[in-house]
Amino acid sequence: MYTCNICGKNFVTNYVLKRHTLQVHEKNAVLQCADCSKKFVRERDLKRHRDSVHSTEKITCKFCYTSFTRKDNLLKHLNNKRCERKLEKEAGKRKRVDLSVSNRKKKTQLFTSAENSTADPENIFLPPKENERAFQKAYKTFNLPNNDSSLGIKEFLLLRKEETIFIFRNELETYKALKVSKWVHCIYSKATDAGKMIKNVEFKTPNNEVLQETNLARLYDDMSEKIVKESEDFEGRDSGWTLDEILRLEVRTNRYSPFRGSSSFIEVPKQIAETKAIINVINKKDSQCFMWSILAALYPNTSNPNKTSSYVPHLNKLNFDGISFPTPLNEVKKFSKMNDIGI
């Protein structure tokens, strides 16, 4: 599968992709490279082309000394097996790194050491060691700066992946469950009759629940996709805005306390329970109260209506794919649509 780096469409063969680029994009290209005849629609694509093809500045892999013109290509190189072994040897060395941490009320500079990391220790922003007294609400913000103005948002997020996962993992060791979000701060510009306009733009994700069993790499990729799509939507629709610079990635974490640890069961007051007017399924070993409530409503059991075992035989009769527990309101609507039932 071949993907157009301008509009994101996928094509079966490279020939079809080239034909699409020529017919759809290059006919509207007005930005020509000063060193060759190639033209581009967006300024950042022209800049990336010049940095990749015509730039004389090189970035060298410190393990095998291979040279690159772009940092994202260096990162891909470091992920291959030949250099991975060398990275693992270096990862055990204790090195001091600079960490920038801030919360809503104050900022502090900390130094700590990188140990047993699979990424380059020199480029990791390790999580803080403060206790709850320093951050009473357990709300923290990590600023990961962009040191390469030639990067696009997708490439920048790829470079910050290991650092962010490192932060998530260390915060999970302290708080066991988190709510996390990502913010990408950028500067955009647009040419107008009155001159060049500059605008600060933030692309962000909603808060995401992170538990011990959460696949952190997949979560990061999903959050990145949302940010990339939001940026593409902003740049589209003939807005005229062009990405000038990515300032930083802001990672926000906050302690999350699910209902009673691993269970979402809440016992109703005695006076209500005695009326026998409701069914309160006792799910003290899981957080799937939504699922048990739906099953109890659709498949009544008169002998043991409050036991989860009474509804196990009906588990495969409904589609709960993609539904998380505890279940947020937007997923209740999703479940209702998938199963064609009203809730």
C-alpha atoms as a PDB file:
ATOM      1  CA  MET A   1       0.000   0.000   0.000  1.00  0.00           C
ATOM      2  CA  TYR A   2       1.364   3.420  -1.018  1.00  0.00           C
ATOM      3  CA  THR A   3       0.211   6.597   0.771  1.00  0.00           C
ATOM      4  CA  CYS A   4       0.146  10.123  -0.638  1.00  0.00           C
ATOM      5  CA  ASN A   5       2.100  12.360   1.762  1.00  0.00           C
ATOM      6  CA  ILE A   6      -0.006  15.361   0.768  1.00  0.00           C
ATOM      7  CA  CYS A   7      -3.624  14.184   1.150  1.00  0.00           C
ATOM      8  CA  GLY A   8      -3.156  10.829   2.908  1.00  0.00           C
ATOM      9  CA  LYS A   9      -4.975   8.687   0.305  1.00  0.00           C
ATOM     10  CA  ASN A  10      -3.799   5.095  -0.187  1.00  0.00           C
ATOM     11  CA  PHE A  11      -3.006   3.414  -3.519  1.00  0.00           C
ATOM     12  CA  VAL A  12      -2.266  -0.174  -4.537  1.00  0.00           C
ATOM     13  CA  THR A  13       0.830   0.563  -6.645  1.00  0.00           C
ATOM     14  CA  ASN A  14       3.487   3.250  -6.696  1.00  0.00           C
ATOM     15  CA  TYR A  15       2.612   3.984 -10.329  1.00  0.00           C
ATOM     16  CA  VAL A  16      -0.976   4.882  -9.394  1.00  0.00           C
ATOM     17  CA  LEU A  17       0.331   7.061  -6.544  1.00  0.00           C
ATOM     18  CA  LYS A  18       2.654   8.943  -8.918  1.00  0.00           C
ATOM     19  CA  ARG A  19      -0.166   9.445 -11.412  1.00  0.00           C
ATOM     20  CA  HIS A  20      -2.415  10.744  -8.603  1.00  0.00           C
ATOM     21  CA  THR A  21       0.311  13.155  -7.430  1.00  0.00           C
ATOM     22  CA  LEU A  22       0.864  14.456 -10.950  1.00  0.00           C
ATOM     23  CA  GLN A  23      -2.819  14.888 -11.829  1.00  0.00           C
ATOM     24  CA  VAL A  24      -4.170  16.107  -8.472  1.00  0.00           C
ATOM     25  CA  HIS A  25      -1.368  17.895  -6.674  1.00  0.00           C
ATOM     26  CA  GLU A  26       1.431  18.933  -8.992  1.00  0.00           C
ATOM     27  CA  LYS A  27      -0.865  20.821 -11.336  1.00  0.00           C
ATOM     28  CA  ASN A  28      -1.693  23.091  -8.382  1.00  0.00           C
ATOM     29  CA  ALA A  29       1.879  23.271  -7.110  1.00  0.00           C
ATOM     30  CA  VAL A  30       3.219  26.812  -7.083  1.00  0.00           C
ATOM     31  CA  LEU A  31       6.257  26.481  -4.802  1.00  0.00           C
ATOM     32  CA  GLN A  32       9.323  25.501  -6.825  1.00  0.00           C
ATOM     33  CA  CYS A  33      12.606  24.312  -5.368  1.00  0.00           C
ATOM     34  CA  ALA A  34      15.413  26.786  -6.103  1.00  0.00           C
ATOM     35  CA  ASP A  35      17.876  23.956  -6.700  1.00  0.00           C
ATOM     36  CA  CYS A  36      15.785  21.728  -9.004  1.00  0.00           C
ATOM     37  CA  SER A  37      12.575  21.763 -11.028  1.00  0.00           C
ATOM     38  CA  LYS A  38      10.392  19.993  -8.469  1.00  0.00           C
ATOM     39  CA  LYS A  39       7.281  21.856  -7.285  1.00  0.00           C
ATOM     40  CA  PHE A  40       5.207  21.599  -4.116  1.00  0.00           C
ATOM     41  CA  VAL A  41       1.803  22.643  -2.810  1.00  0.00           C
ATOM     42  CA  ARG A  42       2.836  23.265   0.807  1.00  0.00           C
ATOM     43  CA  GLU A  43       5.808  25.163   2.200  1.00  0.00           C
ATOM     44  CA  ARG A  44       6.643  22.467   4.722  1.00  0.00           C
ATOM     45  CA  ASP A  45       6.873  19.866   1.915  1.00  0.00           C
ATOM     46  CA  LEU A  46       9.266  22.132   0.029  1.00  0.00           C
ATOM     47  CA  LYS A  47      11.356  22.586   3.178  1.00  0.00           C
ATOM     48  CA  ARG A  48      11.430  18.830   3.812  1.00  0.00           C
ATOM     49  CA  HIS A  49      12.493  18.243   0.211  1.00  0.00           C
ATOM     50  CA  ARG A  50      15.338  20.764   0.477  1.00  0.00           C
ATOM     51  CA  ASP A  51      16.493  19.304   3.801  1.00  0.00           C
ATOM     52  CA  SER A  52      16.421  15.756   2.437  1.00  0.00           C
ATOM     53  CA  VAL A  53      17.812  16.261  -1.073  1.00  0.00           C
ATOM     54  CA  HIS A  54      19.856  19.447  -1.131  1.00  0.00           C
ATOM     55  CA  SER A  55      20.990  19.986   2.442  1.00  0.00           C
ATOM     56  CA  THR A  56      24.713  19.601   3.169  1.00  0.00           C
ATOM     57  CA  GLU A  57      24.150  19.224   6.925  1.00  0.00           C
ATOM     58  CA  LYS A  58      24.315  15.632   8.120  1.00  0.00           C
ATOM     59  CA  ILE A  59      23.130  13.864  11.279  1.00  0.00           C
ATOM     60  CA  THR A  60      25.361  10.913  12.142  1.00  0.00           C
ATOM     61  CA  CYS A  61      24.423   7.740  14.014  1.00  0.00           C
ATOM     62  CA  LYS A  62      26.822   7.568  16.944  1.00  0.00           C
ATOM     63  CA  PHE A  63      26.834   3.763  16.870  1.00  0.00           C
ATOM     64  CA  CYS A  64      27.602   2.942  13.215  1.00  0.00           C
ATOM     65  CA  TYR A  65      28.348   6.475  11.880  1.00  0.00           C
ATOM     66  CA  THR A  66      25.786   6.334   9.059  1.00  0.00           C
ATOM     67  CA  SER A  67      24.788   9.882   7.983  1.00  0.00           C
ATOM     68  CA  PHE A  68      21.263  11.261   7.490  1.00  0.00           C
ATOM     69  CA  THR A  69      19.763  14.614   6.560  1.00  0.00           C
ATOM     70  CA  ARG A  70      16.610  14.199   8.694  1.00  0.00           C
ATOM     71  CA  LYS A  71      16.106  13.106  12.285  1.00  0.00           C
ATOM     72  CA  ASP A  72      13.079  10.941  11.499  1.00  0.00           C
ATOM     73  CA  ASN A  73      15.210   8.861   9.124  1.00  0.00           C
ATOM     74  CA  LEU A  74      17.841   8.503  11.843  1.00  0.00           C
ATOM     75  CA  LEU A  75      15.145   7.250  14.228  1.00  0.00           C
ATOM     76  CA  LYS A  76      14.017   4.612  11.734  1.00  0.00           C
ATOM     77  CA  HIS A  77      17.637   3.546  11.333  1.00  0.00           C
ATOM     78  CA  LEU A  78      18.075   3.203  15.097  1.00  0.00           C
ATOM     79  CA  ASN A  79      15.084   0.870  15.247  1.00  0.00           C
ATOM     80  CA  ASN A  80      16.689  -1.749  13.009  1.00  0.00           C
ATOM     81  CA  LYS A  81      18.243  -4.824  14.625  1.00  0.00           C
ATOM     82  CA  ARG A  82      21.847  -3.957  13.833  1.00  0.00           C
ATOM     83  CA  CYS A  83      21.816  -0.769  15.885  1.00  0.00           C
ATOM     84  CA  GLU A  84      19.349  -2.015  18.476  1.00  0.00           C
ATOM     85  CA  ARG A  85      21.985  -4.238  20.115  1.00  0.00           C
ATOM     86  CA  LYS A  86      24.307  -1.273  20.494  1.00  0.00           C
ATOM     87  CA  LEU A  87      21.491   0.817  21.940  1.00  0.00           C
ATOM     88  CA  GLU A  88      20.794  -1.855  24.538  1.00  0.00           C
ATOM     89  CA  LYS A  89      24.416  -1.840  25.649  1.00  0.00           C
ATOM     90  CA  GLU A  90      24.409   1.943  25.993  1.00  0.00           C
ATOM     91  CA  ALA A  91      21.029   2.037  27.717  1.00  0.00           C
ATOM     92  CA  GLY A  92      22.440   0.552  30.919  1.00  0.00           C
ATOM     93  CA  LYS A  93      24.802   3.468  31.458  1.00  0.00           C
ATOM     94  CA  ARG A  94      23.698   6.034  34.005  1.00  0.00           C
ATOM     95  CA  LYS A  95      23.478   9.485  32.449  1.00  0.00           C
ATOM     96  CA  ARG A  96      22.099  12.731  33.788  1.00  0.00           C
ATOM     97  CA  VAL A  97      19.410  14.332  31.701  1.00  0.00           C
ATOM     98  CA  ASP A  98      17.506  17.559  31.846  1.00  0.00           C
ATOM     99  CA  LEU A  99      13.863  17.306  32.856  1.00  0.00           C
ATOM    100  CA  SER A 100      11.337  20.079  32.545  1.00  0.00           C
ATOM    101  CA  VAL A 101       8.269  19.512  34.697  1.00  0.00           C
ATOM    102  CA  SER A 102       5.426  21.899  35.441  1.00  0.00           C
ATOM    103  CA  ASN A 103       2.087  21.867  37.195  1.00  0.00           C
ATOM    104  CA  ARG A 104      -0.649  24.474  37.318  1.00  0.00           C
ATOM    105  CA  LYS A 105       0.934  26.425  40.145  1.00  0.00           C
ATOM    106  CA  LYS A 106       4.705  26.069  39.755  1.00  0.00           C
ATOM    107  CA  LYS A 107       7.540  24.764  37.607  1.00  0.00           C
ATOM    108  CA  THR A 108      10.683  23.049  38.751  1.00  0.00           C
ATOM    109  CA  GLN A 109      13.890  21.802  37.138  1.00  0.00           C
ATOM    110  CA  LEU A 110      15.056  18.342  38.080  1.00  0.00           C
ATOM    111  CA  PHE A 111      18.005  16.157  37.171  1.00  0.00           C
ATOM    112  CA  THR A 112      17.783  12.392  37.275  1.00  0.00           C
ATOM    113  CA  SER A 113      19.451   9.408  35.635  1.00  0.00           C
ATOM    114  CA  ALA A 114      18.351   7.217  32.756  1.00  0.00           C
ATOM    115  CA  GLU A 115      18.640   3.502  33.370  1.00  0.00           C
ATOM    116  CA  ASN A 116      17.489   0.412  31.491  1.00  0.00           C
ATOM    117  CA  SER A 117      15.787   2.424  28.762  1.00  0.00           C
ATOM    118  CA  THR A 118      15.340   1.140  25.204  1.00  0.00           C
ATOM    119  CA  ALA A 119      15.674   4.667  23.791  1.00  0.00           C
ATOM    120  CA  ASP A 120      18.654   7.005  23.697  1.00  0.00           C
ATOM    121  CA  PRO A 121      19.180   8.121  27.359  1.00  0.00           C
ATOM    122  CA  GLU A 122      20.466  11.518  26.255  1.00  0.00           C
ATOM    123  CA  ASN A 123      17.103  12.407  24.725  1.00  0.00           C
ATOM    124  CA  ILE A 124      14.695  11.090  27.386  1.00  0.00           C
ATOM    125  CA  PHE A 125      12.679  13.379  29.658  1.00  0.00           C
ATOM    126  CA  LEU A 126      12.239  11.217  32.717  1.00  0.00           C
ATOM    127  CA  PRO A 127       9.180  11.553  34.968  1.00  0.00           C
ATOM    128  CA  PRO A 128       9.435  13.357  38.328  1.00  0.00           C
ATOM    129  CA  LYS A 129       9.883  11.756  41.716  1.00  0.00           C
ATOM    130  CA  GLU A 130       7.743  14.209  43.704  1.00  0.00           C
ATOM    131  CA  ASN A 131       5.241  12.889  46.180  1.00  0.00           C
ATOM    132  CA  GLU A 132       1.627  14.026  46.492  1.00  0.00           C
ATOM    133  CA  ARG A 133       2.615  16.787  48.829  1.00  0.00           C
ATOM    134  CA  ALA A 134       4.450  18.500  45.971  1.00  0.00           C
ATOM    135  CA  PHE A 135       1.620  17.836  43.541  1.00  0.00           C
ATOM    136  CA  GLN A 136      -1.469  17.542  45.706  1.00  0.00           C
ATOM    137  CA  LYS A 137      -3.812  16.764  42.832  1.00  0.00           C
ATOM    138  CA  ALA A 138      -1.266  14.521  41.096  1.00  0.00           C
ATOM    139  CA  TYR A 139      -1.626  16.705  38.001  1.00  0.00           C
ATOM    140  CA  LYS A 140       1.600  17.038  36.014  1.00  0.00           C
ATOM    141  CA  THR A 141       2.671  18.510  32.701  1.00  0.00           C
ATOM    142  CA  PHE A 142       5.756  17.402  30.759  1.00  0.00           C
ATOM    143  CA  ASN A 143       7.086  19.671  28.013  1.00  0.00           C
ATOM    144  CA  LEU A 144       8.958  17.884  25.217  1.00  0.00           C
ATOM    145  CA  PRO A 145      10.456  20.558  22.926  1.00  0.00           C
ATOM    146  CA  ASN A 146      10.946  20.326  19.164  1.00  0.00           C
ATOM    147  CA  ASN A 147      14.598  20.796  18.244  1.00  0.00           C
ATOM    148  CA  ASP A 148      14.117  20.336  14.486  1.00  0.00           C
ATOM    149  CA  SER A 149      11.926  22.915  12.743  1.00  0.00           C
ATOM    150  CA  SER A 150      11.891  20.870   9.522  1.00  0.00           C
ATOM    151  CA  LEU A 151       9.694  18.144  10.992  1.00  0.00           C
ATOM    152  CA  GLY A 152       6.020  17.699  10.184  1.00  0.00           C
ATOM    153  CA  ILE A 153       3.583  16.901  12.999  1.00  0.00           C
ATOM    154  CA  LYS A 154       3.452  13.186  12.193  1.00  0.00           C
ATOM    155  CA  GLU A 155       7.248  12.861  12.173  1.00  0.00           C
ATOM    156  CA  PHE A 156       7.605  14.945  15.334  1.00  0.00           C
ATOM    157  CA  LEU A 157       5.155  12.738  17.244  1.00  0.00           C
ATOM    158  CA  LEU A 158       7.026   9.644  16.078  1.00  0.00           C
ATOM    159  CA  LEU A 159      10.254  11.030  17.550  1.00  0.00           C
ATOM    160  CA  ARG A 160       8.591  11.767  20.891  1.00  0.00           C
ATOM    161  CA  LYS A 161       6.978   8.319  21.223  1.00  0.00           C
ATOM    162  CA  GLU A 162       9.606   6.625  23.395  1.00  0.00           C
ATOM    163  CA  GLU A 163       9.856   9.582  25.762  1.00  0.00           C
ATOM    164  CA  THR A 164       6.095   9.786  26.247  1.00  0.00           C
ATOM    165  CA  ILE A 165       5.681   6.058  26.855  1.00  0.00           C
ATOM    166  CA  PHE A 166       8.505   6.311  29.407  1.00  0.00           C
ATOM    167  CA  ILE A 167       6.539   9.032  31.216  1.00  0.00           C
ATOM    168  CA  PHE A 168       3.302   7.001  31.182  1.00  0.00           C
ATOM    169  CA  ARG A 169       5.065   3.908  32.507  1.00  0.00           C
ATOM    170  CA  ASN A 170       6.732   5.738  35.396  1.00  0.00           C
ATOM    171  CA  GLU A 171       3.560   7.563  36.425  1.00  0.00           C
ATOM    172  CA  LEU A 172       1.688   4.229  36.431  1.00  0.00           C
ATOM    173  CA  GLU A 173       4.169   2.903  38.963  1.00  0.00           C
ATOM    174  CA  THR A 174       3.120   5.688  41.331  1.00  0.00           C
ATOM    175  CA  TYR A 175      -0.613   6.048  40.742  1.00  0.00           C
ATOM    176  CA  LYS A 176      -1.656   2.657  39.228  1.00  0.00           C
ATOM    177  CA  ALA A 177      -4.233   4.378  36.989  1.00  0.00           C
ATOM    178  CA  LEU A 178      -4.050   7.653  35.024  1.00  0.00           C
ATOM    179  CA  LYS A 179      -5.894  10.067  32.802  1.00  0.00           C
ATOM    180  CA  VAL A 180      -3.564  11.369  30.077  1.00  0.00           C
ATOM    181  CA  SER A 181      -3.745  13.810  27.166  1.00  0.00           C
ATOM    182  CA  LYS A 182      -1.370  15.209  24.535  1.00  0.00           C
ATOM    183  CA  TRP A 183      -1.118  18.784  23.247  1.00  0.00           C
ATOM    184  CA  VAL A 184       0.966  19.853  20.246  1.00  0.00           C
ATOM    185  CA  HIS A 185       1.735  23.581  20.182  1.00  0.00           C
ATOM    186  CA  CYS A 186       2.445  25.052  16.729  1.00  0.00           C
ATOM    187  CA  ILE A 187       2.858  28.336  14.868  1.00  0.00           C
ATOM    188  CA  TYR A 188       0.991  28.797  11.584  1.00  0.00           C
ATOM    189  CA  SER A 189       1.169  31.626   9.055  1.00  0.00           C
ATOM    190  CA  LYS A 190      -0.981  32.889   6.195  1.00  0.00           C
ATOM    191  CA  ALA A 191      -0.337  35.451   3.498  1.00  0.00           C
ATOM    192  CA  THR A 192      -3.024  38.160   3.251  1.00  0.00           C
ATOM    193  CA  ASP A 193      -3.414  41.477   1.453  1.00  0.00           C
ATOM    194  CA  ALA A 194      -2.428  43.200   4.695  1.00  0.00           C
ATOM    195  CA  GLY A 195       0.704  41.080   5.079  1.00  0.00           C
ATOM    196  CA  LYS A 196       1.696  37.847   6.772  1.00  0.00           C
ATOM    197  CA  MET A 197      -0.536  36.677   9.636  1.00  0.00           C
ATOM    198  CA  ILE A 198       0.850  34.563  12.487  1.00  0.00           C
ATOM    199  CA  LYS A 199      -1.292  32.294  14.655  1.00  0.00           C
ATOM    200  CA  ASN A 200      -0.558  30.036  17.643  1.00  0.00           C
ATOM    201  CA  VAL A 201      -2.473  26.772  17.264  1.00  0.00           C
ATOM    202  CA  GLU A 202      -2.919  23.878  19.692  1.00  0.00           C
ATOM    203  CA  PHE A 203      -3.947  20.374  18.634  1.00  0.00           C
ATOM    204  CA  LYS A 204      -4.994  18.191  21.552  1.00  0.00           C
ATOM    205  CA  THR A 205      -6.576  14.896  22.512  1.00  0.00           C
ATOM    206  CA  PRO A 206      -9.256  14.320  25.144  1.00  0.00           C
ATOM    207  CA  ASN A 207      -8.282  12.629  28.395  1.00  0.00           C
ATOM    208  CA  ASN A 208      -7.602   8.923  27.954  1.00  0.00           C
ATOM    209  CA  GLU A 209      -7.826   6.309  30.676  1.00  0.00           C
ATOM    210  CA  VAL A 210      -4.555   4.427  31.295  1.00  0.00           C
ATOM    211  CA  LEU A 211      -4.569   1.274  33.424  1.00  0.00           C
ATOM    212  CA  GLN A 212      -1.875  -1.276  34.238  1.00  0.00           C
ATOM    213  CA  GLU A 213      -2.984  -3.512  31.364  1.00  0.00           C
ATOM    214  CA  THR A 214      -3.175  -0.685  28.788  1.00  0.00           C
ATOM    215  CA  ASN A 215      -1.049  -1.117  25.654  1.00  0.00           C
ATOM    216  CA  LEU A 216       0.905   2.141  25.920  1.00  0.00           C
ATOM    217  CA  ALA A 217       2.372   2.034  22.412  1.00  0.00           C
ATOM    218  CA  ARG A 218      -1.044   1.518  20.827  1.00  0.00           C
ATOM    219  CA  LEU A 219      -2.553   4.260  23.000  1.00  0.00           C
ATOM    220  CA  TYR A 220       0.168   6.701  21.918  1.00  0.00           C
ATOM    221  CA  ASP A 221      -0.371   5.859  18.239  1.00  0.00           C
ATOM    222  CA  ASP A 222      -4.140   6.320  18.547  1.00  0.00           C
ATOM    223  CA  MET A 223      -3.708   9.696  20.242  1.00  0.00           C
ATOM    224  CA  SER A 224      -1.181  10.752  17.586  1.00  0.00           C
ATOM    225  CA  GLU A 225      -3.580   9.829  14.784  1.00  0.00           C
ATOM    226  CA  LYS A 226      -6.233  12.099  16.285  1.00  0.00           C
ATOM    227  CA  ILE A 227      -3.804  15.017  16.481  1.00  0.00           C
ATOM    228  CA  VAL A 228      -2.578  14.495  12.900  1.00  0.00           C
ATOM    229  CA  LYS A 229      -6.158  14.356  11.620  1.00  0.00           C
ATOM    230  CA  GLU A 230      -7.062  17.520  13.540  1.00  0.00           C
ATOM    231  CA  SER A 231      -4.066  19.330  12.023  1.00  0.00           C
ATOM    232  CA  GLU A 232      -4.952  18.134   8.522  1.00  0.00           C
ATOM    233  CA  ASP A 233      -8.534  19.315   8.973  1.00  0.00           C
ATOM    234  CA  PHE A 234      -7.231  22.703  10.106  1.00  0.00           C
ATOM    235  CA  GLU A 235      -4.908  23.043   7.094  1.00  0.00           C
ATOM    236  CA  GLY A 236      -7.581  21.821   4.687  1.00  0.00           C
ATOM    237  CA  ARG A 237     -10.750  23.481   3.445  1.00  0.00           C
ATOM    238  CA  ASP A 238      -8.659  26.123   1.599  1.00  0.00           C
ATOM    239  CA  SER A 239      -7.808  27.775   4.915  1.00  0.00           C
ATOM    240  CA  GLY A 240      -4.500  29.114   3.614  1.00  0.00           C
ATOM    241  CA  TRP A 241      -2.739  28.412   6.923  1.00  0.00           C
ATOM    242  CA  THR A 242       0.734  26.858   6.605  1.00  0.00           C
ATOM    243  CA  LEU A 243       2.691  25.186   9.390  1.00  0.00           C
ATOM    244  CA  ASP A 244       5.741  27.314  10.222  1.00  0.00           C
ATOM    245  CA  GLU A 245       7.019  25.650  13.365  1.00  0.00           C
ATOM    246  CA  ILE A 246       6.207  22.966  15.925  1.00  0.00           C
ATOM    247  CA  LEU A 247       7.066  24.360  19.346  1.00  0.00           C
ATOM    248  CA  ARG A 248       6.599  21.395  21.687  1.00  0.00           C
ATOM    249  CA  LEU A 249       4.598  18.367  22.741  1.00  0.00           C
ATOM    250  CA  GLU A 250       2.866  18.815  26.070  1.00  0.00           C
ATOM    251  CA  VAL A 251       2.011  15.588  27.918  1.00  0.00           C
ATOM    252  CA  ARG A 252      -0.481  15.952  30.769  1.00  0.00           C
ATOM    253  CA  THR A 253      -1.048  13.227  33.351  1.00  0.00           C
ATOM    254  CA  ASN A 254      -3.440  13.056  36.264  1.00  0.00           C
ATOM    255  CA  ARG A 255      -4.158  10.393  38.848  1.00  0.00           C
ATOM    256  CA  TYR A 256      -7.280   8.377  38.063  1.00  0.00           C
ATOM    257  CA  SER A 257      -9.289   6.475  40.682  1.00  0.00           C
ATOM    258  CA  PRO A 258     -11.754   3.981  39.161  1.00  0.00           C
ATOM    259  CA  PHE A 259     -14.719   2.921  41.281  1.00  0.00           C
ATOM    260  CA  ARG A 260     -13.502   0.754  44.197  1.00  0.00           C
ATOM    261  CA  GLY A 261     -10.354  -0.359  42.451  1.00  0.00           C
ATOM    262  CA  SER A 262     -11.225  -3.179  40.039  1.00  0.00           C
ATOM    263  CA  SER A 263     -14.987  -3.156  40.677  1.00  0.00           C
ATOM    264  CA  SER A 264     -17.632  -0.601  39.711  1.00  0.00           C
ATOM    265  CA  PHE A 265     -20.308  -2.129  41.973  1.00  0.00           C
ATOM    266  CA  ILE A 266     -22.072   0.329  44.261  1.00  0.00           C
ATOM    267  CA  GLU A 267     -24.601  -1.036  46.713  1.00  0.00           C
ATOM    268  CA  VAL A 268     -27.910   0.841  46.761  1.00  0.00           C
ATOM    269  CA  PRO A 269     -29.330   2.170  50.044  1.00  0.00           C
ATOM    270  CA  LYS A 270     -31.160  -0.417  52.136  1.00  0.00           C
ATOM    271  CA  GLN A 271     -34.540   1.344  51.931  1.00  0.00           C
ATOM    272  CA  ILE A 272     -34.413   1.212  48.132  1.00  0.00           C
ATOM    273  CA  ALA A 273     -33.209  -2.410  47.991  1.00  0.00           C
ATOM    274  CA  GLU A 274     -36.066  -3.515  50.245  1.00  0.00           C
ATOM    275  CA  THR A 275     -38.676  -2.222  47.821  1.00  0.00           C
ATOM    276  CA  LYS A 276     -37.665  -4.953  45.311  1.00  0.00           C
ATOM    277  CA  ALA A 277     -38.276  -2.359  42.607  1.00  0.00           C
ATOM    278  CA  ILE A 278     -34.797  -2.529  41.025  1.00  0.00           C
ATOM    279  CA  ILE A 279     -32.194  -5.141  40.110  1.00  0.00           C
ATOM    280  CA  ASN A 280     -28.659  -4.334  41.221  1.00  0.00           C
ATOM    281  CA  VAL A 281     -26.329  -6.987  39.770  1.00  0.00           C
ATOM    282  CA  ILE A 282     -23.481  -7.665  42.203  1.00  0.00           C
ATOM    283  CA  ASN A 283     -20.280  -7.474  40.101  1.00  0.00           C
ATOM    284  CA  LYS A 284     -17.655  -7.104  42.827  1.00  0.00           C
ATOM    285  CA  LYS A 285     -14.921  -8.669  40.693  1.00  0.00           C
ATOM    286  CA  ASP A 286     -15.156  -6.462  37.590  1.00  0.00           C
ATOM    287  CA  SER A 287     -16.149  -3.001  36.341  1.00  0.00           C
ATOM    288  CA  GLN A 288     -18.680  -4.206  33.750  1.00  0.00           C
ATOM    289  CA  CYS A 289     -21.784  -2.859  35.490  1.00  0.00           C
ATOM    290  CA  PHE A 290     -23.127  -1.500  32.194  1.00  0.00           C
ATOM    291  CA  MET A 291     -22.963  -4.924  30.543  1.00  0.00           C
ATOM    292  CA  TRP A 292     -24.651  -6.744  33.444  1.00  0.00           C
ATOM    293  CA  SER A 293     -27.395  -4.104  33.650  1.00  0.00           C
ATOM    294  CA  ILE A 294     -28.210  -4.464  29.947  1.00  0.00           C
ATOM    295  CA  LEU A 295     -28.262  -8.265  30.142  1.00  0.00           C
ATOM    296  CA  ALA A 296     -30.466  -8.168  33.259  1.00  0.00           C
ATOM    297  CA  ALA A 297     -32.944  -5.900  31.489  1.00  0.00           C
ATOM    298  CA  LEU A 298     -33.113  -7.936  28.259  1.00  0.00           C
ATOM    299  CA  TYR A 299     -32.908 -11.437  29.756  1.00  0.00           C
ATOM    300  CA  PRO A 300     -34.670 -11.354  33.191  1.00  0.00           C
ATOM    301  CA  ASN A 301     -33.884 -14.034  35.762  1.00  0.00           C
ATOM    302  CA  THR A 302     -36.399 -14.561  38.551  1.00  0.00           C
ATOM    303  CA  SER A 303     -34.416 -17.020  40.698  1.00  0.00           C
ATOM    304  CA  ASN A 304     -31.141 -15.091  41.202  1.00  0.00           C
ATOM    305  CA  PRO A 305     -31.582 -11.702  39.537  1.00  0.00           C
ATOM    306  CA  ASN A 306     -28.648 -10.042  41.354  1.00  0.00           C
ATOM    307  CA  LYS A 307     -25.980 -12.617  40.445  1.00  0.00           C
ATOM    308  CA  THR A 308     -23.744 -12.229  37.400  1.00  0.00           C
ATOM    309  CA  SER A 309     -23.836 -15.997  36.842  1.00  0.00           C
ATOM    310  CA  SER A 310     -27.514 -15.678  35.930  1.00  0.00           C
ATOM    311  CA  TYR A 311     -26.605 -13.719  32.786  1.00  0.00           C
ATOM    312  CA  VAL A 312     -23.408 -15.452  31.648  1.00  0.00           C
ATOM    313  CA  PRO A 313     -25.363 -17.686  29.184  1.00  0.00           C
ATOM    314  CA  HIS A 314     -26.453 -14.537  27.319  1.00  0.00           C
ATOM    315  CA  LEU A 315     -23.012 -12.902  26.942  1.00  0.00           C
ATOM    316  CA  ASN A 316     -22.666 -13.778  23.244  1.00  0.00           C
ATOM    317  CA  LYS A 317     -26.098 -12.477  22.298  1.00  0.00           C
ATOM    318  CA  LEU A 318     -24.967  -8.841  22.207  1.00  0.00           C
ATOM    319  CA  ASN A 319     -21.992  -7.095  20.620  1.00  0.00           C
ATOM    320  CA  PHE A 320     -19.741  -5.399  23.193  1.00  0.00           C
ATOM    321  CA  ASP A 321     -16.732  -4.993  20.847  1.00  0.00           C
ATOM    322  CA  GLY A 322     -14.902  -1.722  21.427  1.00  0.00           C
ATOM    323  CA  ILE A 323     -16.860  -0.917  24.607  1.00  0.00           C
ATOM    324  CA  SER A 324     -14.705  -0.007  27.624  1.00  0.00           C
ATOM    325  CA  PHE A 325     -15.607  -0.477  31.284  1.00  0.00           C
ATOM    326  CA  PRO A 326     -16.620   1.571  33.194  1.00  0.00           C
ATOM    327  CA  THR A 327     -18.542   2.773  30.150  1.00  0.00           C
ATOM    328  CA  PRO A 328     -18.579   6.496  29.203  1.00  0.00           C
ATOM    329  CA  LEU A 329     -21.730   8.066  27.749  1.00  0.00           C
ATOM    330  CA  ASN A 330     -20.446   8.262  24.173  1.00  0.00           C
ATOM    331  CA  GLU A 331     -19.832   4.499  24.176  1.00  0.00           C
ATOM    332  CA  VAL A 332     -23.346   3.852  25.486  1.00  0.00           C
ATOM    333  CA  LYS A 333     -24.622   5.511  22.317  1.00  0.00           C
ATOM    334  CA  LYS A 334     -22.171   3.475  20.260  1.00  0.00           C
ATOM    335  CA  PHE A 335     -23.346   0.213  21.865  1.00  0.00           C
ATOM    336  CA  SER A 336     -26.980   1.154  21.272  1.00  0.00           C
ATOM    337  CA  LYS A 337     -26.312   1.729  17.574  1.00  0.00           C
ATOM    338  CA  MET A 338     -24.272  -1.473  17.127  1.00  0.00           C
ATOM    339  CA  ASN A 339     -27.021  -3.629  18.635  1.00  0.00           C
ATOM    340  CA  ASP A 340     -29.988  -1.640  17.310  1.00  0.00           C
ATOM    341  CA  ILE A 341     -31.560  -1.243  20.736  1.00  0.00           C
ATOM    342  CA  GLY A 342     -32.760   1.831  22.589  1.00  0.00           C
ATOM    343  CA  ILE A 343     -31.234   2.680  25.956  1.00  0.00           C
END
